[in-house]
Amino acid sequence: MTGRLISVEGGEGAGKSSAMAAVRAAIEGRGVEVVQTREPGGTPVGEAIRTLLLDPAHSICAEAELLLMFAARAQLVRELVRPALERGAWVLSDRFTDASFAYQGGGRGIDGGLIAELERWAATLKPDLTLLLDVDVRQGHARVAGRGAGKDRIEREREDFFERVRATYRQRVAAEPQRFAVIDAGQSQEAVIAAVTAALDQAFARWA
């Protein structure tokens, strides 16, 4: 079976962890090897960059943030993603290039054409399927606050930043509707998992 890359995207508090677990279980239930990873991170180099990027003690300009994200992504693709796909495994990633368009593009205001060029050169590929967990910004923030953990550098941004992130994700969907499955993440966890599973079943049917 040809390897596939599936990404799970969404704003803060969208419930990506639960969705990732459901996707992994559904794929493995079909007897397919799953390699799970996250962005930024997934490799020793990527995890070191992640620590730097998310530490609230650092003040990082938008351009440096974007380049660090793609540095981690370039390493991830070459060290983990491509080797897995080439042997027929499926890669499940907590965020991929759409996150840069949403956060550094929409949120920070960096030109999308520049991000697209970095995507072409550094990432070299796009997901076969992207599950976008869409949730109201305030509802997502309430969920994050309920966890009781401290906020990382990006989570500390203002509400209007996350509204722009959400709007950019929606623009991505409009531009590539065949690649995205939009999930209403404001529903109960059970309803979200059911919707995720249904979207994955549809993708399996297309790829059969």
N, C-alpha and C. Protein backbone atom coordinates (compact mmCIF):
# COMPACT_ATOMS: atom_id res chain seq x y z
N MET A 1 0.85 -1.19 0.00
CA MET A 1 0.00 0.00 0.00
C MET A 1 0.89 1.24 0.00
N THR A 2 0.51 2.20 -0.83
CA THR A 2 1.27 3.44 -0.90
C THR A 2 1.14 4.21 0.41
N GLY A 3 2.26 4.76 0.88
CA GLY A 3 2.22 5.55 2.10
C GLY A 3 1.42 6.82 1.92
N ARG A 4 0.79 7.26 2.97
CA ARG A 4 -0.01 8.49 2.96
C ARG A 4 0.41 9.38 4.12
N LEU A 5 0.28 10.69 3.89
CA LEU A 5 0.55 11.66 4.94
C LEU A 5 -0.77 12.32 5.32
N ILE A 6 -1.14 12.20 6.59
CA ILE A 6 -2.36 12.80 7.11
C ILE A 6 -1.98 13.78 8.20
N SER A 7 -2.49 14.99 8.10
CA SER A 7 -2.22 15.99 9.13
C SER A 7 -3.52 16.35 9.85
N VAL A 8 -3.37 16.74 11.11
CA VAL A 8 -4.49 17.22 11.91
C VAL A 8 -4.16 18.65 12.32
N GLU A 9 -5.04 19.57 11.95
CA GLU A 9 -4.82 21.00 12.19
C GLU A 9 -5.95 21.56 13.03
N GLY A 10 -5.71 22.75 13.57
CA GLY A 10 -6.74 23.44 14.34
C GLY A 10 -6.14 24.45 15.27
N GLY A 11 -6.97 25.35 15.76
CA GLY A 11 -6.50 26.36 16.70
C GLY A 11 -6.31 25.80 18.08
N GLU A 12 -5.99 26.67 19.00
CA GLU A 12 -5.75 26.23 20.38
C GLU A 12 -7.05 25.68 20.98
N GLY A 13 -6.93 24.54 21.68
CA GLY A 13 -8.08 23.94 22.34
C GLY A 13 -9.04 23.24 21.41
N ALA A 14 -8.60 22.92 20.20
CA ALA A 14 -9.48 22.27 19.23
C ALA A 14 -9.67 20.78 19.50
N GLY A 15 -8.81 20.19 20.32
CA GLY A 15 -8.94 18.76 20.62
C GLY A 15 -8.17 17.86 19.69
N LYS A 16 -7.00 18.32 19.24
CA LYS A 16 -6.23 17.54 18.29
C LYS A 16 -5.76 16.20 18.87
N SER A 17 -5.43 16.16 20.13
CA SER A 17 -4.90 14.92 20.72
C SER A 17 -5.91 13.78 20.63
N SER A 18 -7.16 14.05 20.97
CA SER A 18 -8.20 13.03 20.89
C SER A 18 -8.43 12.60 19.45
N ALA A 19 -8.43 13.57 18.54
CA ALA A 19 -8.63 13.25 17.13
C ALA A 19 -7.48 12.41 16.59
N MET A 20 -6.26 12.73 16.98
CA MET A 20 -5.10 11.97 16.54
C MET A 20 -5.21 10.52 16.98
N ALA A 21 -5.62 10.30 18.22
CA ALA A 21 -5.76 8.94 18.73
C ALA A 21 -6.80 8.16 17.93
N ALA A 22 -7.90 8.82 17.58
CA ALA A 22 -8.96 8.16 16.81
C ALA A 22 -8.48 7.81 15.41
N VAL A 23 -7.76 8.73 14.79
CA VAL A 23 -7.24 8.49 13.44
C VAL A 23 -6.25 7.33 13.45
N ARG A 24 -5.36 7.34 14.42
CA ARG A 24 -4.36 6.28 14.49
C ARG A 24 -5.03 4.91 14.66
N ALA A 25 -6.01 4.85 15.55
CA ALA A 25 -6.70 3.58 15.78
C ALA A 25 -7.40 3.10 14.52
N ALA A 26 -8.01 4.03 13.78
CA ALA A 26 -8.73 3.66 12.57
C ALA A 26 -7.79 3.13 11.49
N ILE A 27 -6.62 3.74 11.35
CA ILE A 27 -5.66 3.29 10.34
C ILE A 27 -5.05 1.96 10.72
N GLU A 28 -4.64 1.85 11.98
CA GLU A 28 -4.05 0.59 12.43
C GLU A 28 -5.06 -0.54 12.37
N GLY A 29 -6.34 -0.21 12.54
CA GLY A 29 -7.39 -1.22 12.44
C GLY A 29 -7.49 -1.83 11.05
N ARG A 30 -6.93 -1.15 10.08
CA ARG A 30 -6.90 -1.68 8.71
C ARG A 30 -5.58 -2.37 8.40
N GLY A 31 -4.76 -2.57 9.42
CA GLY A 31 -3.51 -3.30 9.25
C GLY A 31 -2.38 -2.50 8.64
N VAL A 32 -2.45 -1.19 8.77
CA VAL A 32 -1.44 -0.32 8.18
C VAL A 32 -0.52 0.22 9.27
N GLU A 33 0.78 0.25 8.99
CA GLU A 33 1.73 0.84 9.93
C GLU A 33 1.52 2.35 10.00
N VAL A 34 1.50 2.89 11.21
CA VAL A 34 1.34 4.33 11.41
C VAL A 34 2.57 4.88 12.11
N VAL A 35 3.13 5.95 11.56
CA VAL A 35 4.21 6.69 12.21
C VAL A 35 3.61 8.02 12.63
N GLN A 36 3.58 8.28 13.92
CA GLN A 36 2.96 9.50 14.44
C GLN A 36 4.03 10.51 14.83
N THR A 37 3.79 11.77 14.50
CA THR A 37 4.76 12.80 14.80
C THR A 37 4.05 14.12 15.09
N ARG A 38 4.82 15.16 15.34
CA ARG A 38 4.23 16.46 15.62
C ARG A 38 5.13 17.57 15.10
N GLU A 39 4.51 18.74 14.93
CA GLU A 39 5.24 19.92 14.50
C GLU A 39 4.99 21.08 15.45
N PRO A 40 6.02 21.91 15.68
CA PRO A 40 7.41 21.57 15.36
C PRO A 40 7.89 20.45 16.27
N GLY A 41 8.81 19.66 15.78
CA GLY A 41 9.34 18.56 16.58
C GLY A 41 9.50 17.30 15.75
N GLY A 42 9.37 16.16 16.42
CA GLY A 42 9.40 14.88 15.73
C GLY A 42 10.77 14.27 15.52
N THR A 43 11.82 15.07 15.65
CA THR A 43 13.20 14.59 15.56
C THR A 43 13.99 15.28 16.67
N PRO A 44 15.18 14.79 17.01
CA PRO A 44 15.96 15.49 18.03
C PRO A 44 16.19 16.97 17.69
N VAL A 45 16.52 17.25 16.43
CA VAL A 45 16.71 18.63 16.02
C VAL A 45 15.41 19.42 16.14
N GLY A 46 14.32 18.81 15.65
CA GLY A 46 13.03 19.48 15.70
C GLY A 46 12.54 19.75 17.11
N GLU A 47 12.78 18.83 18.01
CA GLU A 47 12.34 19.03 19.39
C GLU A 47 13.14 20.14 20.07
N ALA A 48 14.42 20.26 19.72
CA ALA A 48 15.22 21.35 20.26
C ALA A 48 14.69 22.69 19.75
N ILE A 49 14.33 22.74 18.47
CA ILE A 49 13.75 23.96 17.90
C ILE A 49 12.41 24.25 18.55
N ARG A 50 11.61 23.22 18.80
CA ARG A 50 10.31 23.41 19.45
C ARG A 50 10.47 24.09 20.82
N THR A 51 11.43 23.60 21.58
CA THR A 51 11.67 24.17 22.91
C THR A 51 12.00 25.66 22.80
N LEU A 52 12.83 26.00 21.85
CA LEU A 52 13.20 27.39 21.63
C LEU A 52 11.99 28.23 21.21
N LEU A 53 11.21 27.72 20.26
CA LEU A 53 10.09 28.46 19.70
C LEU A 53 8.99 28.73 20.72
N LEU A 54 8.71 27.78 21.59
CA LEU A 54 7.56 27.89 22.48
C LEU A 54 7.89 28.47 23.84
N ASP A 55 9.16 28.69 24.13
CA ASP A 55 9.56 29.22 25.44
C ASP A 55 9.14 30.69 25.55
N PRO A 56 8.27 31.03 26.51
CA PRO A 56 7.82 32.43 26.66
C PRO A 56 8.94 33.39 27.01
N ALA A 57 10.08 32.87 27.44
CA ALA A 57 11.19 33.73 27.80
C ALA A 57 11.86 34.37 26.59
N HIS A 58 11.61 33.81 25.40
CA HIS A 58 12.25 34.31 24.18
C HIS A 58 11.34 35.27 23.43
N SER A 59 11.92 36.33 22.92
CA SER A 59 11.23 37.24 22.01
C SER A 59 11.75 36.94 20.61
N ILE A 60 10.89 36.37 19.77
CA ILE A 60 11.31 35.92 18.44
C ILE A 60 10.52 36.68 17.39
N CYS A 61 11.22 37.29 16.44
CA CYS A 61 10.52 38.04 15.40
C CYS A 61 9.79 37.08 14.47
N ALA A 62 8.82 37.60 13.74
CA ALA A 62 7.97 36.76 12.88
C ALA A 62 8.78 36.00 11.84
N GLU A 63 9.77 36.67 11.24
CA GLU A 63 10.57 36.03 10.19
C GLU A 63 11.40 34.88 10.75
N ALA A 64 12.00 35.09 11.92
CA ALA A 64 12.79 34.03 12.55
C ALA A 64 11.89 32.86 12.94
N GLU A 65 10.69 33.18 13.44
CA GLU A 65 9.74 32.13 13.81
C GLU A 65 9.40 31.26 12.61
N LEU A 66 9.10 31.90 11.48
CA LEU A 66 8.77 31.15 10.27
C LEU A 66 9.92 30.26 9.83
N LEU A 67 11.13 30.81 9.81
CA LEU A 67 12.28 30.03 9.35
C LEU A 67 12.61 28.88 10.30
N LEU A 68 12.45 29.10 11.59
CA LEU A 68 12.66 28.01 12.54
C LEU A 68 11.63 26.91 12.35
N MET A 69 10.38 27.28 12.11
CA MET A 69 9.35 26.28 11.85
C MET A 69 9.72 25.42 10.64
N PHE A 70 10.18 26.08 9.59
CA PHE A 70 10.54 25.31 8.38
C PHE A 70 11.85 24.56 8.53
N ALA A 71 12.73 25.03 9.38
CA ALA A 71 13.95 24.27 9.65
C ALA A 71 13.59 22.94 10.32
N ALA A 72 12.72 23.01 11.31
CA ALA A 72 12.27 21.79 11.98
C ALA A 72 11.53 20.88 11.01
N ARG A 73 10.73 21.49 10.13
CA ARG A 73 9.95 20.71 9.16
C ARG A 73 10.84 20.03 8.13
N ALA A 74 11.85 20.75 7.64
CA ALA A 74 12.78 20.17 6.68
C ALA A 74 13.47 18.94 7.25
N GLN A 75 13.89 19.04 8.50
CA GLN A 75 14.54 17.90 9.15
C GLN A 75 13.56 16.75 9.32
N LEU A 76 12.32 17.06 9.71
CA LEU A 76 11.31 16.03 9.92
C LEU A 76 11.02 15.27 8.63
N VAL A 77 10.86 16.00 7.54
CA VAL A 77 10.55 15.36 6.26
C VAL A 77 11.66 14.43 5.83
N ARG A 78 12.88 14.87 5.96
CA ARG A 78 13.99 14.06 5.46
C ARG A 78 14.38 12.93 6.40
N GLU A 79 14.23 13.15 7.68
CA GLU A 79 14.64 12.12 8.64
C GLU A 79 13.55 11.10 8.93
N LEU A 80 12.29 11.53 8.90
CA LEU A 80 11.21 10.64 9.33
C LEU A 80 10.11 10.44 8.29
N VAL A 81 9.58 11.54 7.75
CA VAL A 81 8.38 11.42 6.91
C VAL A 81 8.64 10.67 5.61
N ARG A 82 9.61 11.14 4.83
CA ARG A 82 9.85 10.48 3.54
C ARG A 82 10.28 9.02 3.69
N PRO A 83 11.18 8.68 4.60
CA PRO A 83 11.52 7.26 4.76
C PRO A 83 10.31 6.40 5.11
N ALA A 84 9.41 6.92 5.94
CA ALA A 84 8.22 6.16 6.31
C ALA A 84 7.30 5.96 5.11
N LEU A 85 7.06 7.03 4.36
CA LEU A 85 6.19 6.94 3.19
C LEU A 85 6.76 5.99 2.14
N GLU A 86 8.06 6.02 1.99
CA GLU A 86 8.71 5.18 0.97
C GLU A 86 8.60 3.69 1.29
N ARG A 87 8.49 3.36 2.57
CA ARG A 87 8.35 1.93 2.90
C ARG A 87 6.87 1.53 3.00
N GLY A 88 5.96 2.47 2.70
CA GLY A 88 4.54 2.16 2.69
C GLY A 88 3.80 2.46 3.96
N ALA A 89 4.49 3.04 4.96
CA ALA A 89 3.80 3.42 6.20
C ALA A 89 3.00 4.69 5.98
N TRP A 90 2.03 4.91 6.85
CA TRP A 90 1.25 6.14 6.84
C TRP A 90 1.77 7.03 7.96
N VAL A 91 1.94 8.30 7.65
CA VAL A 91 2.44 9.26 8.63
C VAL A 91 1.28 10.14 9.10
N LEU A 92 1.12 10.21 10.41
CA LEU A 92 0.08 11.02 11.03
C LEU A 92 0.77 12.15 11.79
N SER A 93 0.53 13.38 11.36
CA SER A 93 1.25 14.51 11.93
C SER A 93 0.32 15.51 12.60
N ASP A 94 0.66 15.85 13.83
CA ASP A 94 -0.01 16.92 14.56
C ASP A 94 0.54 18.24 14.01
N ARG A 95 -0.14 18.79 13.03
CA ARG A 95 0.21 19.98 12.26
C ARG A 95 1.22 19.65 11.15
N PHE A 96 1.11 20.45 10.08
CA PHE A 96 2.11 20.40 9.01
C PHE A 96 2.14 21.79 8.38
N THR A 97 2.37 21.91 7.08
CA THR A 97 2.61 23.23 6.49
C THR A 97 1.43 24.19 6.60
N ASP A 98 0.19 23.69 6.66
CA ASP A 98 -0.96 24.59 6.79
C ASP A 98 -0.85 25.45 8.04
N ALA A 99 -0.21 24.91 9.08
CA ALA A 99 -0.05 25.67 10.32
C ALA A 99 0.81 26.91 10.10
N SER A 100 1.80 26.84 9.22
CA SER A 100 2.63 28.00 8.95
C SER A 100 1.85 29.07 8.19
N PHE A 101 1.02 28.64 7.24
CA PHE A 101 0.16 29.60 6.54
C PHE A 101 -0.79 30.28 7.53
N ALA A 102 -1.32 29.50 8.49
CA ALA A 102 -2.29 30.04 9.43
C ALA A 102 -1.64 30.91 10.50
N TYR A 103 -0.59 30.40 11.13
CA TYR A 103 0.01 31.11 12.28
C TYR A 103 1.00 32.19 11.85
N GLN A 104 1.95 31.83 10.99
CA GLN A 104 2.93 32.85 10.59
C GLN A 104 2.38 33.73 9.45
N GLY A 105 1.50 33.16 8.61
CA GLY A 105 0.89 33.94 7.56
C GLY A 105 -0.27 34.78 8.08
N GLY A 106 -1.35 34.13 8.48
CA GLY A 106 -2.51 34.85 8.99
C GLY A 106 -2.23 35.57 10.29
N GLY A 107 -1.65 34.86 11.24
CA GLY A 107 -1.41 35.45 12.55
C GLY A 107 -0.36 36.54 12.55
N ARG A 108 0.79 36.27 11.93
CA ARG A 108 1.90 37.22 11.96
C ARG A 108 1.90 38.20 10.79
N GLY A 109 1.16 37.86 9.73
CA GLY A 109 1.09 38.76 8.59
C GLY A 109 2.18 38.57 7.55
N ILE A 110 2.87 37.43 7.56
CA ILE A 110 3.89 37.16 6.54
C ILE A 110 3.21 36.77 5.24
N ASP A 111 3.76 37.23 4.13
CA ASP A 111 3.20 36.98 2.81
C ASP A 111 3.07 35.48 2.51
N GLY A 112 1.88 35.09 2.08
CA GLY A 112 1.65 33.68 1.80
C GLY A 112 2.49 33.14 0.66
N GLY A 113 2.86 34.00 -0.30
CA GLY A 113 3.70 33.54 -1.40
C GLY A 113 5.07 33.10 -0.93
N LEU A 114 5.61 33.80 0.06
CA LEU A 114 6.89 33.41 0.63
C LEU A 114 6.78 32.07 1.35
N ILE A 115 5.69 31.88 2.08
CA ILE A 115 5.48 30.62 2.79
C ILE A 115 5.33 29.48 1.79
N ALA A 116 4.62 29.73 0.69
CA ALA A 116 4.44 28.70 -0.34
C ALA A 116 5.77 28.30 -0.96
N GLU A 117 6.67 29.27 -1.13
CA GLU A 117 7.99 28.96 -1.68
C GLU A 117 8.79 28.10 -0.70
N LEU A 118 8.71 28.43 0.59
CA LEU A 118 9.38 27.60 1.59
C LEU A 118 8.76 26.20 1.64
N GLU A 119 7.46 26.12 1.47
CA GLU A 119 6.79 24.82 1.44
C GLU A 119 7.34 23.98 0.29
N ARG A 120 7.48 24.59 -0.88
CA ARG A 120 7.97 23.87 -2.05
C ARG A 120 9.41 23.41 -1.86
N TRP A 121 10.24 24.30 -1.28
CA TRP A 121 11.66 24.02 -1.19
C TRP A 121 12.05 23.19 0.03
N ALA A 122 11.50 23.53 1.19
CA ALA A 122 11.92 22.89 2.43
C ALA A 122 11.06 21.68 2.81
N ALA A 123 9.74 21.82 2.65
CA ALA A 123 8.86 20.72 3.02
C ALA A 123 8.76 19.68 1.90
N THR A 124 8.70 20.14 0.67
CA THR A 124 8.70 19.32 -0.56
C THR A 124 7.43 18.51 -0.79
N LEU A 125 6.52 18.47 0.15
CA LEU A 125 5.29 17.69 -0.04
C LEU A 125 4.15 18.29 0.77
N LYS A 126 2.93 17.86 0.43
CA LYS A 126 1.73 18.27 1.15
C LYS A 126 1.02 17.02 1.68
N PRO A 127 0.20 17.17 2.70
CA PRO A 127 -0.57 16.01 3.18
C PRO A 127 -1.55 15.51 2.12
N ASP A 128 -1.83 14.23 2.16
CA ASP A 128 -2.86 13.65 1.30
C ASP A 128 -4.24 13.99 1.84
N LEU A 129 -4.33 14.15 3.15
CA LEU A 129 -5.59 14.51 3.82
C LEU A 129 -5.26 15.38 5.01
N THR A 130 -6.01 16.47 5.17
CA THR A 130 -5.86 17.33 6.34
C THR A 130 -7.20 17.43 7.05
N LEU A 131 -7.22 17.03 8.29
CA LEU A 131 -8.41 17.14 9.12
C LEU A 131 -8.31 18.44 9.90
N LEU A 132 -9.18 19.38 9.59
CA LEU A 132 -9.17 20.68 10.26
C LEU A 132 -10.23 20.70 11.35
N LEU A 133 -9.80 20.77 12.59
CA LEU A 133 -10.71 20.85 13.73
C LEU A 133 -11.02 22.33 13.97
N ASP A 134 -12.19 22.74 13.59
CA ASP A 134 -12.57 24.15 13.65
C ASP A 134 -13.40 24.42 14.89
N VAL A 135 -12.93 25.36 15.71
CA VAL A 135 -13.63 25.68 16.95
C VAL A 135 -13.60 27.19 17.18
N ASP A 136 -14.65 27.72 17.77
CA ASP A 136 -14.69 29.12 18.14
C ASP A 136 -13.48 29.47 19.01
N VAL A 137 -12.86 30.60 18.73
CA VAL A 137 -11.63 30.97 19.42
C VAL A 137 -11.82 31.04 20.94
N ARG A 138 -12.88 31.66 21.38
CA ARG A 138 -13.10 31.78 22.83
C ARG A 138 -13.36 30.42 23.47
N GLN A 139 -14.09 29.57 22.78
CA GLN A 139 -14.33 28.23 23.32
C GLN A 139 -13.02 27.45 23.43
N GLY A 140 -12.18 27.57 22.41
CA GLY A 140 -10.88 26.90 22.45
C GLY A 140 -10.01 27.41 23.57
N HIS A 141 -10.01 28.72 23.78
CA HIS A 141 -9.20 29.29 24.86
C HIS A 141 -9.70 28.85 26.23
N ALA A 142 -11.02 28.71 26.37
CA ALA A 142 -11.58 28.24 27.64
C ALA A 142 -11.12 26.82 27.94
N ARG A 143 -11.02 26.00 26.90
CA ARG A 143 -10.53 24.64 27.09
C ARG A 143 -9.07 24.64 27.52
N VAL A 144 -8.26 25.48 26.88
CA VAL A 144 -6.84 25.56 27.23
C VAL A 144 -6.68 26.01 28.68
N ALA A 145 -7.48 27.01 29.07
CA ALA A 145 -7.39 27.52 30.44
C ALA A 145 -7.79 26.45 31.44
N GLY A 146 -8.71 25.58 31.05
CA GLY A 146 -9.17 24.51 31.94
C GLY A 146 -8.14 23.44 32.19
N ARG A 147 -7.11 23.38 31.37
CA ARG A 147 -6.07 22.36 31.57
C ARG A 147 -5.20 22.68 32.77
N GLY A 148 -5.10 23.97 33.11
CA GLY A 148 -4.33 24.36 34.28
C GLY A 148 -2.85 24.50 34.03
N ALA A 149 -2.37 24.19 32.82
CA ALA A 149 -0.95 24.30 32.53
C ALA A 149 -0.63 25.72 32.06
N GLY A 150 0.62 26.11 32.19
CA GLY A 150 1.02 27.43 31.73
C GLY A 150 0.99 27.52 30.21
N LYS A 151 0.76 28.72 29.68
CA LYS A 151 0.69 28.91 28.24
C LYS A 151 2.07 29.08 27.65
N ASP A 152 2.27 28.52 26.45
CA ASP A 152 3.55 28.70 25.78
C ASP A 152 3.57 30.06 25.07
N ARG A 153 4.66 30.36 24.40
CA ARG A 153 4.84 31.69 23.81
C ARG A 153 3.74 32.04 22.82
N ILE A 154 3.33 31.08 21.99
CA ILE A 154 2.31 31.36 20.98
C ILE A 154 0.92 31.38 21.59
N GLU A 155 0.66 30.52 22.54
CA GLU A 155 -0.65 30.51 23.21
C GLU A 155 -0.94 31.82 23.92
N ARG A 156 0.09 32.62 24.21
CA ARG A 156 -0.10 33.88 24.92
C ARG A 156 -0.52 35.03 24.01
N GLU A 157 -0.65 34.75 22.72
CA GLU A 157 -1.06 35.81 21.79
C GLU A 157 -2.49 36.27 22.08
N ARG A 158 -2.83 37.45 21.56
CA ARG A 158 -4.15 38.03 21.79
C ARG A 158 -5.21 37.32 20.95
N GLU A 159 -6.47 37.54 21.31
CA GLU A 159 -7.58 36.87 20.64
C GLU A 159 -7.63 37.18 19.15
N ASP A 160 -7.33 38.42 18.75
CA ASP A 160 -7.41 38.77 17.33
C ASP A 160 -6.38 37.99 16.51
N PHE A 161 -5.26 37.64 17.11
CA PHE A 161 -4.27 36.79 16.43
C PHE A 161 -4.90 35.45 16.06
N PHE A 162 -5.59 34.85 17.00
CA PHE A 162 -6.18 33.53 16.76
C PHE A 162 -7.40 33.60 15.84
N GLU A 163 -8.07 34.74 15.81
CA GLU A 163 -9.16 34.92 14.83
C GLU A 163 -8.57 34.93 13.42
N ARG A 164 -7.43 35.57 13.25
CA ARG A 164 -6.78 35.57 11.94
C ARG A 164 -6.29 34.18 11.57
N VAL A 165 -5.79 33.44 12.54
CA VAL A 165 -5.37 32.06 12.31
C VAL A 165 -6.54 31.23 11.81
N ARG A 166 -7.66 31.35 12.51
CA ARG A 166 -8.85 30.58 12.12
C ARG A 166 -9.33 30.96 10.73
N ALA A 167 -9.35 32.25 10.42
CA ALA A 167 -9.80 32.71 9.11
C ALA A 167 -8.88 32.18 8.00
N THR A 168 -7.58 32.13 8.27
CA THR A 168 -6.64 31.65 7.26
C THR A 168 -6.80 30.16 7.03
N TYR A 169 -7.04 29.40 8.08
CA TYR A 169 -7.33 27.97 7.88
C TYR A 169 -8.53 27.81 6.95
N ARG A 170 -9.56 28.61 7.14
CA ARG A 170 -10.75 28.52 6.29
C ARG A 170 -10.43 28.89 4.85
N GLN A 171 -9.53 29.84 4.66
CA GLN A 171 -9.11 30.20 3.31
C GLN A 171 -8.37 29.03 2.66
N ARG A 172 -7.59 28.33 3.45
CA ARG A 172 -6.88 27.16 2.93
C ARG A 172 -7.87 26.09 2.46
N VAL A 173 -8.92 25.91 3.23
CA VAL A 173 -9.96 24.94 2.87
C VAL A 173 -10.62 25.34 1.55
N ALA A 174 -10.95 26.62 1.42
CA ALA A 174 -11.61 27.10 0.20
C ALA A 174 -10.72 26.91 -1.03
N ALA A 175 -9.40 27.04 -0.84
CA ALA A 175 -8.46 26.92 -1.95
C ALA A 175 -8.20 25.46 -2.34
N GLU A 176 -8.28 24.54 -1.37
CA GLU A 176 -8.00 23.12 -1.64
C GLU A 176 -9.06 22.24 -0.97
N PRO A 177 -10.31 22.35 -1.36
CA PRO A 177 -11.37 21.61 -0.67
C PRO A 177 -11.23 20.10 -0.77
N GLN A 178 -10.58 19.62 -1.82
CA GLN A 178 -10.44 18.18 -1.99
C GLN A 178 -9.48 17.57 -0.97
N ARG A 179 -8.60 18.38 -0.40
CA ARG A 179 -7.61 17.85 0.55
C ARG A 179 -8.09 17.92 2.00
N PHE A 180 -9.01 18.81 2.27
CA PHE A 180 -9.43 19.06 3.65
C PHE A 180 -10.74 18.35 4.00
N ALA A 181 -10.84 17.99 5.27
CA ALA A 181 -12.12 17.60 5.88
C ALA A 181 -12.27 18.49 7.10
N VAL A 182 -13.30 19.33 7.12
CA VAL A 182 -13.50 20.26 8.22
C VAL A 182 -14.41 19.61 9.25
N ILE A 183 -13.95 19.57 10.49
CA ILE A 183 -14.68 18.95 11.59
C ILE A 183 -15.11 20.04 12.57
N ASP A 184 -16.39 20.05 12.92
CA ASP A 184 -16.88 20.99 13.93
C ASP A 184 -16.38 20.53 15.29
N ALA A 185 -15.32 21.18 15.77
CA ALA A 185 -14.71 20.77 17.03
C ALA A 185 -15.38 21.38 18.25
N GLY A 186 -16.46 22.12 18.02
CA GLY A 186 -17.22 22.65 19.14
C GLY A 186 -18.21 21.64 19.70
N GLN A 187 -18.35 20.51 19.04
CA GLN A 187 -19.24 19.44 19.48
C GLN A 187 -18.63 18.67 20.65
N SER A 188 -19.38 17.69 21.13
CA SER A 188 -18.85 16.80 22.16
C SER A 188 -17.70 15.99 21.59
N GLN A 189 -16.85 15.48 22.47
CA GLN A 189 -15.71 14.68 22.01
C GLN A 189 -16.18 13.47 21.22
N GLU A 190 -17.28 12.85 21.63
CA GLU A 190 -17.79 11.68 20.92
C GLU A 190 -18.21 12.05 19.50
N ALA A 191 -18.88 13.19 19.35
CA ALA A 191 -19.33 13.63 18.03
C ALA A 191 -18.14 13.98 17.14
N VAL A 192 -17.13 14.60 17.72
CA VAL A 192 -15.93 14.95 16.95
C VAL A 192 -15.24 13.69 16.45
N ILE A 193 -15.07 12.71 17.31
CA ILE A 193 -14.40 11.46 16.92
C ILE A 193 -15.21 10.74 15.84
N ALA A 194 -16.53 10.76 15.96
CA ALA A 194 -17.38 10.13 14.93
C ALA A 194 -17.19 10.84 13.58
N ALA A 195 -17.11 12.16 13.60
CA ALA A 195 -16.93 12.92 12.36
C ALA A 195 -15.55 12.67 11.76
N VAL A 196 -14.54 12.59 12.61
CA VAL A 196 -13.18 12.30 12.15
C VAL A 196 -13.12 10.92 11.50
N THR A 197 -13.73 9.94 12.15
CA THR A 197 -13.74 8.58 11.62
C THR A 197 -14.46 8.51 10.28
N ALA A 198 -15.58 9.22 10.16
CA ALA A 198 -16.33 9.25 8.91
C ALA A 198 -15.50 9.88 7.78
N ALA A 199 -14.79 10.96 8.10
CA ALA A 199 -13.94 11.60 7.10
C ALA A 199 -12.83 10.67 6.65
N LEU A 200 -12.27 9.94 7.58
CA LEU A 200 -11.20 9.01 7.25
C LEU A 200 -11.74 7.85 6.39
N ASP A 201 -12.92 7.37 6.70
CA ASP A 201 -13.54 6.31 5.90
C ASP A 201 -13.74 6.77 4.46
N GLN A 202 -14.16 8.02 4.28
CA GLN A 202 -14.33 8.57 2.94
C GLN A 202 -13.00 8.62 2.19
N ALA A 203 -11.95 8.99 2.93
CA ALA A 203 -10.63 9.04 2.31
C ALA A 203 -10.16 7.64 1.90
N PHE A 204 -10.36 6.68 2.76
CA PHE A 204 -10.00 5.30 2.43
C PHE A 204 -10.72 4.85 1.16
N ALA A 205 -11.98 5.20 1.05
CA ALA A 205 -12.77 4.82 -0.14
C ALA A 205 -12.19 5.44 -1.41
N ARG A 206 -11.75 6.70 -1.31
CA ARG A 206 -11.15 7.37 -2.49
C ARG A 206 -9.84 6.73 -2.88
N TRP A 207 -9.06 6.32 -1.89
CA TRP A 207 -7.73 5.81 -2.15
C TRP A 207 -7.69 4.32 -2.47
N ALA A 208 -8.80 3.66 -2.31
CA ALA A 208 -8.83 2.19 -2.51
C ALA A 208 -8.49 1.83 -3.96
